[in-house]
PDB file of N, CA and C in Angstrom:
ATOM      1  N   UNK A   1     -25.689 -20.477  35.592  1.00  0.00           N
ATOM      2  CA  UNK A   1     -24.311 -20.095  35.361  1.00  0.00           C
ATOM      3  C   UNK A   1     -24.203 -19.431  33.983  1.00  0.00           C
ATOM      4  N   UNK A   2     -23.663 -18.242  33.925  1.00  0.00           N
ATOM      5  CA  UNK A   2     -23.536 -17.484  32.684  1.00  0.00           C
ATOM      6  C   UNK A   2     -22.240 -17.840  31.974  1.00  0.00           C
ATOM      7  N   UNK A   3     -22.328 -17.924  30.648  1.00  0.00           N
ATOM      8  CA  UNK A   3     -21.145 -18.201  29.854  1.00  0.00           C
ATOM      9  C   UNK A   3     -20.450 -16.886  29.551  1.00  0.00           C
ATOM     10  N   UNK A   4     -19.141 -16.833  29.703  1.00  0.00           N
ATOM     11  CA  UNK A   4     -18.383 -15.632  29.352  1.00  0.00           C
ATOM     12  C   UNK A   4     -17.470 -15.954  28.179  1.00  0.00           C
ATOM     13  N   UNK A   5     -17.371 -15.023  27.273  1.00  0.00           N
ATOM     14  CA  UNK A   5     -16.519 -15.206  26.104  1.00  0.00           C
ATOM     15  C   UNK A   5     -15.082 -14.853  26.452  1.00  0.00           C
ATOM     16  N   UNK A   6     -14.125 -15.580  25.900  1.00  0.00           N
ATOM     17  CA  UNK A   6     -12.722 -15.233  26.145  1.00  0.00           C
ATOM     18  C   UNK A   6     -12.390 -13.905  25.472  1.00  0.00           C
ATOM     19  N   UNK A   7     -11.439 -13.209  26.016  1.00  0.00           N
ATOM     20  CA  UNK A   7     -11.027 -11.927  25.452  1.00  0.00           C
ATOM     21  C   UNK A   7     -10.356 -12.152  24.105  1.00  0.00           C
ATOM     22  N   UNK A   8     -10.775 -11.391  23.120  1.00  0.00           N
ATOM     23  CA  UNK A   8     -10.191 -11.491  21.787  1.00  0.00           C
ATOM     24  C   UNK A   8      -9.208 -10.347  21.627  1.00  0.00           C
ATOM     25  N   UNK A   9      -7.998 -10.683  21.276  1.00  0.00           N
ATOM     26  CA  UNK A   9      -6.978  -9.648  21.081  1.00  0.00           C
ATOM     27  C   UNK A   9      -6.884  -9.318  19.602  1.00  0.00           C
ATOM     28  N   UNK A  10      -6.800  -8.036  19.312  1.00  0.00           N
ATOM     29  CA  UNK A  10      -6.643  -7.599  17.935  1.00  0.00           C
ATOM     30  C   UNK A  10      -5.290  -6.925  17.785  1.00  0.00           C
ATOM     31  N   UNK A  11      -4.794  -6.901  16.574  1.00  0.00           N
ATOM     32  CA  UNK A  11      -3.505  -6.269  16.314  1.00  0.00           C
ATOM     33  C   UNK A  11      -3.635  -4.760  16.475  1.00  0.00           C
ATOM     34  N   UNK A  12      -2.652  -4.131  17.077  1.00  0.00           N
ATOM     35  CA  UNK A  12      -2.710  -2.668  17.203  1.00  0.00           C
ATOM     36  C   UNK A  12      -2.619  -2.027  15.821  1.00  0.00           C
ATOM     37  N   UNK A  13      -3.337  -0.942  15.624  1.00  0.00           N
ATOM     38  CA  UNK A  13      -3.348  -0.305  14.313  1.00  0.00           C
ATOM     39  C   UNK A  13      -2.400   0.875  14.244  1.00  0.00           C
ATOM     40  N   UNK A  14      -1.622   1.131  15.292  1.00  0.00           N
ATOM     41  CA  UNK A  14      -0.688   2.248  15.273  1.00  0.00           C
ATOM     42  C   UNK A  14       0.691   1.830  14.773  1.00  0.00           C
ATOM     43  N   UNK A  15       0.786   0.656  14.186  1.00  0.00           N
ATOM     44  CA  UNK A  15       2.047   0.180  13.633  1.00  0.00           C
ATOM     45  C   UNK A  15       1.831  -0.166  12.161  1.00  0.00           C
ATOM     46  N   UNK A  16       2.889  -0.175  11.372  1.00  0.00           N
ATOM     47  CA  UNK A  16       2.723  -0.539   9.966  1.00  0.00           C
ATOM     48  C   UNK A  16       2.482  -2.036   9.820  1.00  0.00           C
ATOM     49  N   UNK A  17       1.801  -2.435   8.757  1.00  0.00           N
ATOM     50  CA  UNK A  17       1.564  -3.868   8.539  1.00  0.00           C
ATOM     51  C   UNK A  17       2.855  -4.594   8.192  1.00  0.00           C
ATOM     52  N   UNK A  18       2.868  -5.860   8.459  1.00  0.00           N
ATOM     53  CA  UNK A  18       4.002  -6.726   8.142  1.00  0.00           C
ATOM     54  C   UNK A  18       3.605  -7.671   7.017  1.00  0.00           C
ATOM     55  N   UNK A  19       4.588  -8.394   6.491  1.00  0.00           N
ATOM     56  CA  UNK A  19       4.336  -9.353   5.422  1.00  0.00           C
ATOM     57  C   UNK A  19       3.312 -10.386   5.876  1.00  0.00           C
ATOM     58  N   UNK A  20       2.411 -10.720   4.996  1.00  0.00           N
ATOM     59  CA  UNK A  20       1.328 -11.692   5.174  1.00  0.00           C
ATOM     60  C   UNK A  20       0.214 -11.208   6.095  1.00  0.00           C
ATOM     61  N   UNK A  21       0.174  -9.917   6.410  1.00  0.00           N
ATOM     62  CA  UNK A  21      -0.951  -9.373   7.179  1.00  0.00           C
ATOM     63  C   UNK A  21      -2.024  -8.879   6.225  1.00  0.00           C
ATOM     64  N   UNK A  22      -3.251  -8.923   6.696  1.00  0.00           N
ATOM     65  CA  UNK A  22      -4.410  -8.454   5.929  1.00  0.00           C
ATOM     66  C   UNK A  22      -4.522  -6.949   6.113  1.00  0.00           C
ATOM     67  N   UNK A  23      -4.715  -6.230   5.004  1.00  0.00           N
ATOM     68  CA  UNK A  23      -4.840  -4.773   5.031  1.00  0.00           C
ATOM     69  C   UNK A  23      -6.052  -4.331   4.224  1.00  0.00           C
ATOM     70  N   UNK A  24      -6.462  -3.108   4.495  1.00  0.00           N
ATOM     71  CA  UNK A  24      -7.585  -2.493   3.774  1.00  0.00           C
ATOM     72  C   UNK A  24      -7.084  -1.246   3.078  1.00  0.00           C
ATOM     73  N   UNK A  25      -7.493  -1.048   1.825  1.00  0.00           N
ATOM     74  CA  UNK A  25      -7.125   0.159   1.083  1.00  0.00           C
ATOM     75  C   UNK A  25      -7.925   1.350   1.593  1.00  0.00           C
ATOM     76  N   UNK A  26      -7.234   2.439   1.881  1.00  0.00           N
ATOM     77  CA  UNK A  26      -7.913   3.662   2.310  1.00  0.00           C
ATOM     78  C   UNK A  26      -8.233   4.562   1.123  1.00  0.00           C
ATOM     79  N   UNK A  27      -7.535   4.372   0.024  1.00  0.00           N
ATOM     80  CA  UNK A  27      -7.838   5.069  -1.222  1.00  0.00           C
ATOM     81  C   UNK A  27      -7.624   4.081  -2.365  1.00  0.00           C
ATOM     82  N   UNK A  28      -8.258   4.335  -3.474  1.00  0.00           N
ATOM     83  CA  UNK A  28      -8.189   3.403  -4.606  1.00  0.00           C
ATOM     84  C   UNK A  28      -6.755   3.178  -5.047  1.00  0.00           C
ATOM     85  N   UNK A  29      -6.470   1.959  -5.463  1.00  0.00           N
ATOM     86  CA  UNK A  29      -5.149   1.619  -5.982  1.00  0.00           C
ATOM     87  C   UNK A  29      -5.256   1.238  -7.437  1.00  0.00           C
ATOM     88  N   UNK A  30      -4.137   1.272  -8.135  1.00  0.00           N
ATOM     89  CA  UNK A  30      -4.142   0.945  -9.557  1.00  0.00           C
ATOM     90  C   UNK A  30      -3.115  -0.144  -9.826  1.00  0.00           C
ATOM     91  N   UNK A  31      -3.525  -1.159 -10.588  1.00  0.00           N
ATOM     92  CA  UNK A  31      -2.620  -2.237 -10.954  1.00  0.00           C
ATOM     93  C   UNK A  31      -1.684  -1.760 -12.058  1.00  0.00           C
ATOM     94  N   UNK A  32      -0.659  -2.529 -12.342  1.00  0.00           N
ATOM     95  CA  UNK A  32       0.259  -2.199 -13.429  1.00  0.00           C
ATOM     96  C   UNK A  32      -0.446  -2.271 -14.767  1.00  0.00           C
ATOM     97  N   UNK A  33      -1.546  -3.010 -14.832  1.00  0.00           N
ATOM     98  CA  UNK A  33      -2.320  -3.126 -16.075  1.00  0.00           C
ATOM     99  C   UNK A  33      -3.337  -1.998 -16.223  1.00  0.00           C
ATOM    100  N   UNK A  34      -3.434  -1.118 -15.207  1.00  0.00           N
ATOM    101  CA  UNK A  34      -4.336   0.024 -15.293  1.00  0.00           C
ATOM    102  C   UNK A  34      -5.714  -0.195 -14.712  1.00  0.00           C
ATOM    103  N   UNK A  35      -5.945  -1.324 -14.036  1.00  0.00           N
ATOM    104  CA  UNK A  35      -7.245  -1.562 -13.406  1.00  0.00           C
ATOM    105  C   UNK A  35      -7.264  -0.895 -12.029  1.00  0.00           C
ATOM    106  N   UNK A  36      -8.404  -0.328 -11.661  1.00  0.00           N
ATOM    107  CA  UNK A  36      -8.551   0.316 -10.356  1.00  0.00           C
ATOM    108  C   UNK A  36      -9.130  -0.656  -9.336  1.00  0.00           C
ATOM    109  N   UNK A  37      -8.461  -0.755  -8.192  1.00  0.00           N
ATOM    110  CA  UNK A  37      -8.959  -1.523  -7.056  1.00  0.00           C
ATOM    111  C   UNK A  37      -9.578  -0.498  -6.113  1.00  0.00           C
ATOM    112  N   UNK A  38     -10.876  -0.585  -5.823  1.00  0.00           N
ATOM    113  CA  UNK A  38     -11.551   0.452  -5.044  1.00  0.00           C
ATOM    114  C   UNK A  38     -11.110   0.503  -3.581  1.00  0.00           C
ATOM    115  N   UNK A  39     -11.221   1.697  -2.996  1.00  0.00           N
ATOM    116  CA  UNK A  39     -10.935   1.831  -1.568  1.00  0.00           C
ATOM    117  C   UNK A  39     -11.896   0.942  -0.791  1.00  0.00           C
ATOM    118  N   UNK A  40     -11.422   0.445   0.342  1.00  0.00           N
ATOM    119  CA  UNK A  40     -12.219  -0.471   1.135  1.00  0.00           C
ATOM    120  C   UNK A  40     -11.934  -1.934   0.812  1.00  0.00           C
ATOM    121  N   UNK A  41     -11.225  -2.188  -0.300  1.00  0.00           N
ATOM    122  CA  UNK A  41     -10.875  -3.560  -0.661  1.00  0.00           C
ATOM    123  C   UNK A  41      -9.825  -4.089   0.314  1.00  0.00           C
ATOM    124  N   UNK A  42      -9.922  -5.363   0.647  1.00  0.00           N
ATOM    125  CA  UNK A  42      -8.974  -5.984   1.575  1.00  0.00           C
ATOM    126  C   UNK A  42      -8.081  -6.956   0.820  1.00  0.00           C
ATOM    127  N   UNK A  43      -6.798  -6.932   1.163  1.00  0.00           N
ATOM    128  CA  UNK A  43      -5.826  -7.817   0.546  1.00  0.00           C
ATOM    129  C   UNK A  43      -4.748  -8.208   1.537  1.00  0.00           C
ATOM    130  N   UNK A  44      -3.736  -8.904   1.047  1.00  0.00           N
ATOM    131  CA  UNK A  44      -2.651  -9.376   1.905  1.00  0.00           C
ATOM    132  C   UNK A  44      -1.329  -8.771   1.446  1.00  0.00           C
ATOM    133  N   UNK A  45      -0.551  -8.301   2.406  1.00  0.00           N
ATOM    134  CA  UNK A  45       0.777  -7.776   2.106  1.00  0.00           C
ATOM    135  C   UNK A  45       1.660  -8.952   1.698  1.00  0.00           C
ATOM    136  N   UNK A  46       2.211  -8.888   0.487  1.00  0.00           N
ATOM    137  CA  UNK A  46       3.111  -9.941   0.041  1.00  0.00           C
ATOM    138  C   UNK A  46       4.564  -9.497   0.075  1.00  0.00           C
ATOM    139  N   UNK A  47       4.791  -8.182   0.149  1.00  0.00           N
ATOM    140  CA  UNK A  47       6.156  -7.686   0.268  1.00  0.00           C
ATOM    141  C   UNK A  47       6.148  -6.308   0.902  1.00  0.00           C
ATOM    142  N   UNK A  48       7.075  -6.092   1.826  1.00  0.00           N
ATOM    143  CA  UNK A  48       7.278  -4.787   2.457  1.00  0.00           C
ATOM    144  C   UNK A  48       8.418  -4.112   1.704  1.00  0.00           C
ATOM    145  N   UNK A  49       8.199  -2.894   1.244  1.00  0.00           N
ATOM    146  CA  UNK A  49       9.199  -2.171   0.456  1.00  0.00           C
ATOM    147  C   UNK A  49       9.842  -1.075   1.295  1.00  0.00           C
ATOM    148  N   UNK A  50      11.155  -0.986   1.208  1.00  0.00           N
ATOM    149  CA  UNK A  50      11.887   0.007   1.991  1.00  0.00           C
ATOM    150  C   UNK A  50      11.712  -0.258   3.472  1.00  0.00           C
ATOM    151  N   UNK A  51      11.667   0.803   4.233  1.00  0.00           N
ATOM    152  CA  UNK A  51      11.456   0.708   5.677  1.00  0.00           C
ATOM    153  C   UNK A  51       9.972   0.932   5.959  1.00  0.00           C
ATOM    154  N   UNK A  52       9.139   0.031   5.418  1.00  0.00           N
ATOM    155  CA  UNK A  52       7.675   0.113   5.528  1.00  0.00           C
ATOM    156  C   UNK A  52       7.127   1.383   4.875  1.00  0.00           C
ATOM    157  N   UNK A  53       7.813   1.835   3.821  1.00  0.00           N
ATOM    158  CA  UNK A  53       7.363   3.033   3.100  1.00  0.00           C
ATOM    159  C   UNK A  53       6.264   2.704   2.104  1.00  0.00           C
ATOM    160  N   UNK A  54       6.266   1.473   1.608  1.00  0.00           N
ATOM    161  CA  UNK A  54       5.260   1.030   0.641  1.00  0.00           C
ATOM    162  C   UNK A  54       5.119  -0.487   0.764  1.00  0.00           C
ATOM    163  N   UNK A  55       4.051  -1.003   0.142  1.00  0.00           N
ATOM    164  CA  UNK A  55       3.748  -2.427   0.237  1.00  0.00           C
ATOM    165  C   UNK A  55       3.229  -2.944  -1.094  1.00  0.00           C
ATOM    166  N   UNK A  56       3.567  -4.178  -1.413  1.00  0.00           N
ATOM    167  CA  UNK A  56       2.923  -4.862  -2.527  1.00  0.00           C
ATOM    168  C   UNK A  56       1.810  -5.683  -1.901  1.00  0.00           C
ATOM    169  N   UNK A  57       0.586  -5.430  -2.334  1.00  0.00           N
ATOM    170  CA  UNK A  57      -0.596  -6.061  -1.750  1.00  0.00           C
ATOM    171  C   UNK A  57      -1.304  -6.874  -2.820  1.00  0.00           C
ATOM    172  N   UNK A  58      -1.627  -8.122  -2.462  1.00  0.00           N
ATOM    173  CA  UNK A  58      -2.349  -9.005  -3.376  1.00  0.00           C
ATOM    174  C   UNK A  58      -3.826  -9.005  -3.006  1.00  0.00           C
ATOM    175  N   UNK A  59      -4.671  -8.815  -4.013  1.00  0.00           N
ATOM    176  CA  UNK A  59      -6.121  -8.803  -3.825  1.00  0.00           C
ATOM    177  C   UNK A  59      -6.739  -9.972  -4.575  1.00  0.00           C
ATOM    178  N   UNK A  60      -7.820 -10.497  -4.028  1.00  0.00           N
ATOM    179  CA  UNK A  60      -8.587 -11.546  -4.688  1.00  0.00           C
ATOM    180  C   UNK A  60      -9.924 -10.973  -5.140  1.00  0.00           C
ATOM    181  N   UNK A  61     -10.478 -10.059  -4.357  1.00  0.00           N
ATOM    182  CA  UNK A  61     -11.746  -9.394  -4.664  1.00  0.00           C
ATOM    183  C   UNK A  61     -11.502  -7.904  -4.818  1.00  0.00           C
ATOM    184  N   UNK A  62     -12.125  -7.192  -5.679  1.00  0.00           N
ATOM    185  CA  UNK A  62     -13.174  -7.603  -6.610  1.00  0.00           C
ATOM    186  C   UNK A  62     -12.633  -8.407  -7.789  1.00  0.00           C
ATOM    187  N   UNK A  63     -11.304  -8.472  -7.956  1.00  0.00           N
ATOM    188  CA  UNK A  63     -10.663  -9.306  -8.968  1.00  0.00           C
ATOM    189  C   UNK A  63      -9.230  -9.545  -8.507  1.00  0.00           C
ATOM    190  N   UNK A  64      -8.596 -10.554  -9.064  1.00  0.00           N
ATOM    191  CA  UNK A  64      -7.208 -10.850  -8.700  1.00  0.00           C
ATOM    192  C   UNK A  64      -6.306  -9.725  -9.182  1.00  0.00           C
ATOM    193  N   UNK A  65      -5.506  -9.181  -8.261  1.00  0.00           N
ATOM    194  CA  UNK A  65      -4.657  -8.055  -8.615  1.00  0.00           C
ATOM    195  C   UNK A  65      -3.486  -7.952  -7.653  1.00  0.00           C
ATOM    196  N   UNK A  66      -2.410  -7.342  -8.133  1.00  0.00           N
ATOM    197  CA  UNK A  66      -1.253  -7.016  -7.322  1.00  0.00           C
ATOM    198  C   UNK A  66      -1.039  -5.524  -7.449  1.00  0.00           C
ATOM    199  N   UNK A  67      -1.033  -4.822  -6.308  1.00  0.00           N
ATOM    200  CA  UNK A  67      -0.956  -3.362  -6.304  1.00  0.00           C
ATOM    201  C   UNK A  67       0.147  -2.924  -5.353  1.00  0.00           C
ATOM    202  N   UNK A  68       0.946  -1.957  -5.783  1.00  0.00           N
ATOM    203  CA  UNK A  68       1.937  -1.340  -4.902  1.00  0.00           C
ATOM    204  C   UNK A  68       1.299  -0.085  -4.320  1.00  0.00           C
ATOM    205  N   UNK A  69       1.272   0.008  -2.985  1.00  0.00           N
ATOM    206  CA  UNK A  69       0.616   1.143  -2.322  1.00  0.00           C
ATOM    207  C   UNK A  69       1.555   1.772  -1.303  1.00  0.00           C
ATOM    208  N   UNK A  70       1.384   3.068  -1.095  1.00  0.00           N
ATOM    209  CA  UNK A  70       2.157   3.781  -0.073  1.00  0.00           C
ATOM    210  C   UNK A  70       1.619   3.431   1.302  1.00  0.00           C
ATOM    211  N   UNK A  71       2.457   3.592   2.310  1.00  0.00           N
ATOM    212  CA  UNK A  71       2.091   3.228   3.675  1.00  0.00           C
ATOM    213  C   UNK A  71       0.830   3.960   4.145  1.00  0.00           C
ATOM    214  N   UNK A  72       0.651   5.207   3.767  1.00  0.00           N
ATOM    215  CA  UNK A  72      -0.503   5.975   4.207  1.00  0.00           C
ATOM    216  C   UNK A  72      -1.806   5.587   3.542  1.00  0.00           C
ATOM    217  N   UNK A  73      -1.738   4.712   2.550  1.00  0.00           N
ATOM    218  CA  UNK A  73      -2.938   4.316   1.811  1.00  0.00           C
ATOM    219  C   UNK A  73      -3.535   2.988   2.268  1.00  0.00           C
ATOM    220  N   UNK A  74      -2.953   2.384   3.322  1.00  0.00           N
ATOM    221  CA  UNK A  74      -3.479   1.121   3.849  1.00  0.00           C
ATOM    222  C   UNK A  74      -3.519   1.151   5.373  1.00  0.00           C
ATOM    223  N   UNK A  75      -4.359   0.304   5.913  1.00  0.00           N
ATOM    224  CA  UNK A  75      -4.373   0.087   7.361  1.00  0.00           C
ATOM    225  C   UNK A  75      -4.598  -1.400   7.613  1.00  0.00           C
ATOM    226  N   UNK A  76      -4.167  -1.841   8.762  1.00  0.00           N
ATOM    227  CA  UNK A  76      -4.345  -3.246   9.129  1.00  0.00           C
ATOM    228  C   UNK A  76      -5.821  -3.514   9.255  1.00  0.00           C
ATOM    229  N   UNK A  77      -6.286  -4.569   8.604  1.00  0.00           N
ATOM    230  CA  UNK A  77      -7.719  -4.902   8.641  1.00  0.00           C
ATOM    231  C   UNK A  77      -8.020  -5.878   9.762  1.00  0.00           C
TER     232      UNK A  77
END
């Protein structure tokens, strides 16, 4: 008897991220202190700004940071 894995559902990527969703930077972001968070870094949306026009994203790696990014600069991870 063969074991089958249950279907794993992933979030659609054709919608903007919501609060507390994990996102990936598509281009480098800059903190208010002037530190650069490299593209490819993953963080969590802590606030949605406007009508999903921008997001405040909290990062833990490569260092703790809070970055405001435009909607086109992130995707759901």
